[in-house]
Amino acid sequence: MNLEEFNIIIFITGIIVGCVATLAVKSFSTKQQSKQTASNSNIITIKSLQQELDNKQVIIDNFFTDSNEQLTFVEKRLTELRNCLASNASQLSSVTIEAAPSTPNTNNTEETSITEPPRDYALKKDKEPGMLSESFGLDDRNLDLEPKRTI
């Protein structure tokens, strides 16, 4: 083999290796760019979903606030109507009708303020004290388990 043939073989081999390396680097860079665009689109999607969720939550909060205000207004108007009917009915007849109370019923608040003692739902054998019993856990079963130590 001549030196010229050897140089031609090395030159052709270099061209082939360069083309393969270029294709490998190009495919690697396109994969990286596609991953970046996919992650950017996911971030944009997550941000847009969070923003949409926040907007819907604001709409829901406004709905319940407005509904509460409207119900309060209707209750006030209903109380005024009852008072007006009671005063006009007393003018028309001798029957007395009580006017609507200006404050909500206090009987309901008194009933709800009554508390019950806690109930004992602990699993227990027949005639064994429950966990809420005053004598629960005060027996001396542990004395047999631990030997007495003296120095």
C-alpha atoms as a PDB file:
ATOM      1  CA  MET A   1       0.000   0.000   0.000  1.00  0.00           C
ATOM      2  CA  ASN A   2       1.140   3.395  -0.921  1.00  0.00           C
ATOM      3  CA  LEU A   3       1.084   6.330   1.372  1.00  0.00           C
ATOM      4  CA  GLU A   4      -1.352   8.072  -0.968  1.00  0.00           C
ATOM      5  CA  GLU A   5      -3.840   5.180  -0.778  1.00  0.00           C
ATOM      6  CA  PHE A   6      -3.524   5.152   2.990  1.00  0.00           C
ATOM      7  CA  ASN A   7      -4.230   8.906   3.138  1.00  0.00           C
ATOM      8  CA  ILE A   8      -7.303   8.476   0.915  1.00  0.00           C
ATOM      9  CA  ILE A   9      -8.656   5.695   3.154  1.00  0.00           C
ATOM     10  CA  ILE A  10      -8.136   7.831   6.287  1.00  0.00           C
ATOM     11  CA  PHE A  11      -9.763  10.830   4.555  1.00  0.00           C
ATOM     12  CA  ILE A  12     -12.870   8.809   3.554  1.00  0.00           C
ATOM     13  CA  THR A  13     -13.061   7.212   7.015  1.00  0.00           C
ATOM     14  CA  GLY A  14     -12.868  10.698   8.609  1.00  0.00           C
ATOM     15  CA  ILE A  15     -15.690  11.943   6.422  1.00  0.00           C
ATOM     16  CA  ILE A  16     -17.870   8.951   7.417  1.00  0.00           C
ATOM     17  CA  VAL A  17     -17.088   9.333  11.147  1.00  0.00           C
ATOM     18  CA  GLY A  18     -17.767  13.089  10.939  1.00  0.00           C
ATOM     19  CA  CYS A  19     -21.138  12.515   9.261  1.00  0.00           C
ATOM     20  CA  VAL A  20     -22.145   9.923  11.892  1.00  0.00           C
ATOM     21  CA  ALA A  21     -21.040  12.230  14.737  1.00  0.00           C
ATOM     22  CA  THR A  22     -22.942  15.150  13.203  1.00  0.00           C
ATOM     23  CA  LEU A  23     -26.137  13.082  12.897  1.00  0.00           C
ATOM     24  CA  ALA A  24     -25.799  11.854  16.498  1.00  0.00           C
ATOM     25  CA  VAL A  25     -25.302  15.386  17.877  1.00  0.00           C
ATOM     26  CA  LYS A  26     -28.162  16.709  15.758  1.00  0.00           C
ATOM     27  CA  SER A  27     -30.601  14.024  16.964  1.00  0.00           C
ATOM     28  CA  PHE A  28     -29.525  14.574  20.572  1.00  0.00           C
ATOM     29  CA  SER A  29     -30.106  18.343  20.304  1.00  0.00           C
ATOM     30  CA  THR A  30     -33.558  17.867  18.733  1.00  0.00           C
ATOM     31  CA  LYS A  31     -34.510  15.510  21.581  1.00  0.00           C
ATOM     32  CA  GLN A  32     -33.419  18.113  24.131  1.00  0.00           C
ATOM     33  CA  GLN A  33     -35.416  20.839  22.372  1.00  0.00           C
ATOM     34  CA  SER A  34     -38.513  18.651  22.192  1.00  0.00           C
ATOM     35  CA  LYS A  35     -38.215  17.875  25.918  1.00  0.00           C
ATOM     36  CA  GLN A  36     -37.913  21.584  26.702  1.00  0.00           C
ATOM     37  CA  THR A  37     -40.932  22.506  24.626  1.00  0.00           C
ATOM     38  CA  ALA A  38     -42.921  19.653  26.166  1.00  0.00           C
ATOM     39  CA  SER A  39     -41.999  20.738  29.694  1.00  0.00           C
ATOM     40  CA  ASN A  40     -42.734  24.388  28.849  1.00  0.00           C
ATOM     41  CA  SER A  41     -46.113  23.445  27.449  1.00  0.00           C
ATOM     42  CA  ASN A  42     -46.840  21.402  30.606  1.00  0.00           C
ATOM     43  CA  ILE A  43     -45.887  24.338  32.810  1.00  0.00           C
ATOM     44  CA  ILE A  44     -48.087  26.661  30.799  1.00  0.00           C
ATOM     45  CA  THR A  45     -50.897  24.133  30.990  1.00  0.00           C
ATOM     46  CA  ILE A  46     -50.531  23.736  34.757  1.00  0.00           C
ATOM     47  CA  LYS A  47     -50.404  27.502  35.248  1.00  0.00           C
ATOM     48  CA  SER A  48     -53.428  28.046  33.060  1.00  0.00           C
ATOM     49  CA  LEU A  49     -55.352  25.320  34.871  1.00  0.00           C
ATOM     50  CA  GLN A  50     -54.472  26.851  38.247  1.00  0.00           C
ATOM     51  CA  GLN A  51     -55.581  30.266  37.010  1.00  0.00           C
ATOM     52  CA  GLU A  52     -58.832  28.829  35.679  1.00  0.00           C
ATOM     53  CA  LEU A  53     -59.428  27.065  38.994  1.00  0.00           C
ATOM     54  CA  ASP A  54     -58.789  30.306  40.892  1.00  0.00           C
ATOM     55  CA  ASN A  55     -61.200  32.179  38.623  1.00  0.00           C
ATOM     56  CA  LYS A  56     -63.905  29.589  39.173  1.00  0.00           C
ATOM     57  CA  GLN A  57     -63.329  29.702  42.928  1.00  0.00           C
ATOM     58  CA  VAL A  58     -63.788  33.482  42.879  1.00  0.00           C
ATOM     59  CA  ILE A  59     -67.019  33.075  40.908  1.00  0.00           C
ATOM     60  CA  ILE A  60     -68.281  30.462  43.400  1.00  0.00           C
ATOM     61  CA  ASP A  61     -67.361  32.664  46.384  1.00  0.00           C
ATOM     62  CA  ASN A  62     -69.145  35.623  44.823  1.00  0.00           C
ATOM     63  CA  PHE A  63     -72.218  33.482  44.156  1.00  0.00           C
ATOM     64  CA  PHE A  64     -72.479  32.359  47.769  1.00  0.00           C
ATOM     65  CA  THR A  65     -71.819  35.858  49.106  1.00  0.00           C
ATOM     66  CA  ASP A  66     -74.486  37.349  46.860  1.00  0.00           C
ATOM     67  CA  SER A  67     -76.929  34.552  47.721  1.00  0.00           C
ATOM     68  CA  ASN A  68     -76.366  35.139  51.430  1.00  0.00           C
ATOM     69  CA  GLU A  69     -76.972  38.873  51.024  1.00  0.00           C
ATOM     70  CA  GLN A  70     -80.155  38.237  49.043  1.00  0.00           C
ATOM     71  CA  LEU A  71     -81.453  35.750  51.623  1.00  0.00           C
ATOM     72  CA  THR A  72     -80.747  38.211  54.435  1.00  0.00           C
ATOM     73  CA  PHE A  73     -82.601  40.900  52.499  1.00  0.00           C
ATOM     74  CA  VAL A  74     -85.560  38.570  51.896  1.00  0.00           C
ATOM     75  CA  GLU A  75     -85.684  37.646  55.595  1.00  0.00           C
ATOM     76  CA  LYS A  76     -85.722  41.322  56.583  1.00  0.00           C
ATOM     77  CA  ARG A  77     -88.502  42.049  54.090  1.00  0.00           C
ATOM     78  CA  LEU A  78     -90.484  39.054  55.352  1.00  0.00           C
ATOM     79  CA  THR A  79     -90.140  40.293  58.931  1.00  0.00           C
ATOM     80  CA  GLU A  80     -91.339  43.745  57.860  1.00  0.00           C
ATOM     81  CA  LEU A  81     -94.294  42.152  56.027  1.00  0.00           C
ATOM     82  CA  ARG A  82     -95.291  40.121  59.098  1.00  0.00           C
ATOM     83  CA  ASN A  83     -95.081  43.201  61.320  1.00  0.00           C
ATOM     84  CA  CYS A  84     -97.161  45.200  58.823  1.00  0.00           C
ATOM     85  CA  LEU A  85     -99.787  42.432  58.593  1.00  0.00           C
ATOM     86  CA  ALA A  86     -99.916  42.115  62.384  1.00  0.00           C
ATOM     87  CA  SER A  87    -100.407  45.860  62.883  1.00  0.00           C
ATOM     88  CA  ASN A  88    -103.030  46.074  60.121  1.00  0.00           C
ATOM     89  CA  ALA A  89    -104.847  42.975  61.407  1.00  0.00           C
ATOM     90  CA  SER A  90    -105.061  44.508  64.875  1.00  0.00           C
ATOM     91  CA  GLN A  91    -106.674  47.597  63.339  1.00  0.00           C
ATOM     92  CA  LEU A  92    -109.239  45.526  61.412  1.00  0.00           C
ATOM     93  CA  SER A  93    -110.283  43.123  64.159  1.00  0.00           C
ATOM     94  CA  SER A  94    -110.137  42.579  67.871  1.00  0.00           C
ATOM     95  CA  VAL A  95    -107.850  39.555  67.494  1.00  0.00           C
ATOM     96  CA  THR A  96    -104.307  40.238  68.585  1.00  0.00           C
ATOM     97  CA  ILE A  97    -101.522  38.776  66.514  1.00  0.00           C
ATOM     98  CA  GLU A  98     -97.968  38.825  67.765  1.00  0.00           C
ATOM     99  CA  ALA A  99     -95.510  40.655  65.579  1.00  0.00           C
ATOM    100  CA  ALA A 100     -92.530  38.755  64.239  1.00  0.00           C
ATOM    101  CA  PRO A 101     -89.561  38.860  66.581  1.00  0.00           C
ATOM    102  CA  SER A 102     -86.760  41.125  65.451  1.00  0.00           C
ATOM    103  CA  THR A 103     -84.109  38.601  66.488  1.00  0.00           C
ATOM    104  CA  PRO A 104     -83.968  34.939  65.569  1.00  0.00           C
ATOM    105  CA  ASN A 105     -85.505  32.404  67.935  1.00  0.00           C
ATOM    106  CA  THR A 106     -83.433  32.084  71.095  1.00  0.00           C
ATOM    107  CA  ASN A 107     -85.053  28.734  71.878  1.00  0.00           C
ATOM    108  CA  ASN A 108     -82.976  27.026  69.194  1.00  0.00           C
ATOM    109  CA  THR A 109     -79.740  28.395  70.623  1.00  0.00           C
ATOM    110  CA  GLU A 110     -80.650  27.180  74.104  1.00  0.00           C
ATOM    111  CA  GLU A 111     -81.367  23.704  72.799  1.00  0.00           C
ATOM    112  CA  THR A 112     -78.092  23.525  70.926  1.00  0.00           C
ATOM    113  CA  SER A 113     -76.069  24.741  73.919  1.00  0.00           C
ATOM    114  CA  ILE A 114     -77.082  21.677  75.950  1.00  0.00           C
ATOM    115  CA  THR A 115     -74.132  19.322  75.952  1.00  0.00           C
ATOM    116  CA  GLU A 116     -74.071  15.616  76.503  1.00  0.00           C
ATOM    117  CA  PRO A 117     -71.400  13.805  78.440  1.00  0.00           C
ATOM    118  CA  PRO A 118     -69.000  11.823  76.270  1.00  0.00           C
ATOM    119  CA  ARG A 119     -70.109   8.337  75.406  1.00  0.00           C
ATOM    120  CA  ASP A 120     -67.976   5.295  76.059  1.00  0.00           C
ATOM    121  CA  TYR A 121     -67.636   3.291  72.869  1.00  0.00           C
ATOM    122  CA  ALA A 122     -64.576   1.351  73.981  1.00  0.00           C
ATOM    123  CA  LEU A 123     -64.548  -2.407  73.501  1.00  0.00           C
ATOM    124  CA  LYS A 124     -64.883  -4.102  76.852  1.00  0.00           C
ATOM    125  CA  LYS A 125     -65.815  -7.431  78.328  1.00  0.00           C
ATOM    126  CA  ASP A 126     -68.893  -8.000  80.458  1.00  0.00           C
ATOM    127  CA  LYS A 127     -68.983  -5.761  83.579  1.00  0.00           C
ATOM    128  CA  GLU A 128     -65.549  -4.338  82.854  1.00  0.00           C
ATOM    129  CA  PRO A 129     -65.211  -0.560  83.369  1.00  0.00           C
ATOM    130  CA  GLY A 130     -65.009   1.502  80.225  1.00  0.00           C
ATOM    131  CA  MET A 131     -62.313   3.997  79.349  1.00  0.00           C
ATOM    132  CA  LEU A 132     -64.443   6.855  80.647  1.00  0.00           C
ATOM    133  CA  SER A 133     -64.863   5.269  84.055  1.00  0.00           C
ATOM    134  CA  GLU A 134     -63.014   6.944  86.926  1.00  0.00           C
ATOM    135  CA  SER A 135     -61.501   3.644  87.983  1.00  0.00           C
ATOM    136  CA  PHE A 136     -60.200   2.769  84.503  1.00  0.00           C
ATOM    137  CA  GLY A 137     -56.493   1.918  84.481  1.00  0.00           C
ATOM    138  CA  LEU A 138     -56.039   2.154  88.243  1.00  0.00           C
ATOM    139  CA  ASP A 139     -55.751  -1.574  88.944  1.00  0.00           C
ATOM    140  CA  ASP A 140     -52.347  -2.960  89.950  1.00  0.00           C
ATOM    141  CA  ARG A 141     -51.744  -5.486  87.185  1.00  0.00           C
ATOM    142  CA  ASN A 142     -48.258  -4.125  86.513  1.00  0.00           C
ATOM    143  CA  LEU A 143     -46.959  -5.098  89.965  1.00  0.00           C
ATOM    144  CA  ASP A 144     -46.680  -8.755  88.946  1.00  0.00           C
ATOM    145  CA  LEU A 145     -44.839  -7.939  85.727  1.00  0.00           C
ATOM    146  CA  GLU A 146     -42.037  -5.876  87.247  1.00  0.00           C
ATOM    147  CA  PRO A 147     -39.886  -7.499  89.978  1.00  0.00           C
ATOM    148  CA  LYS A 148     -38.943  -5.373  92.949  1.00  0.00           C
ATOM    149  CA  ARG A 149     -35.372  -4.196  92.931  1.00  0.00           C
ATOM    150  CA  THR A 150     -33.479  -3.536  96.080  1.00  0.00           C
ATOM    151  CA  ILE A 151     -30.009  -2.203  96.529  1.00  0.00           C
END
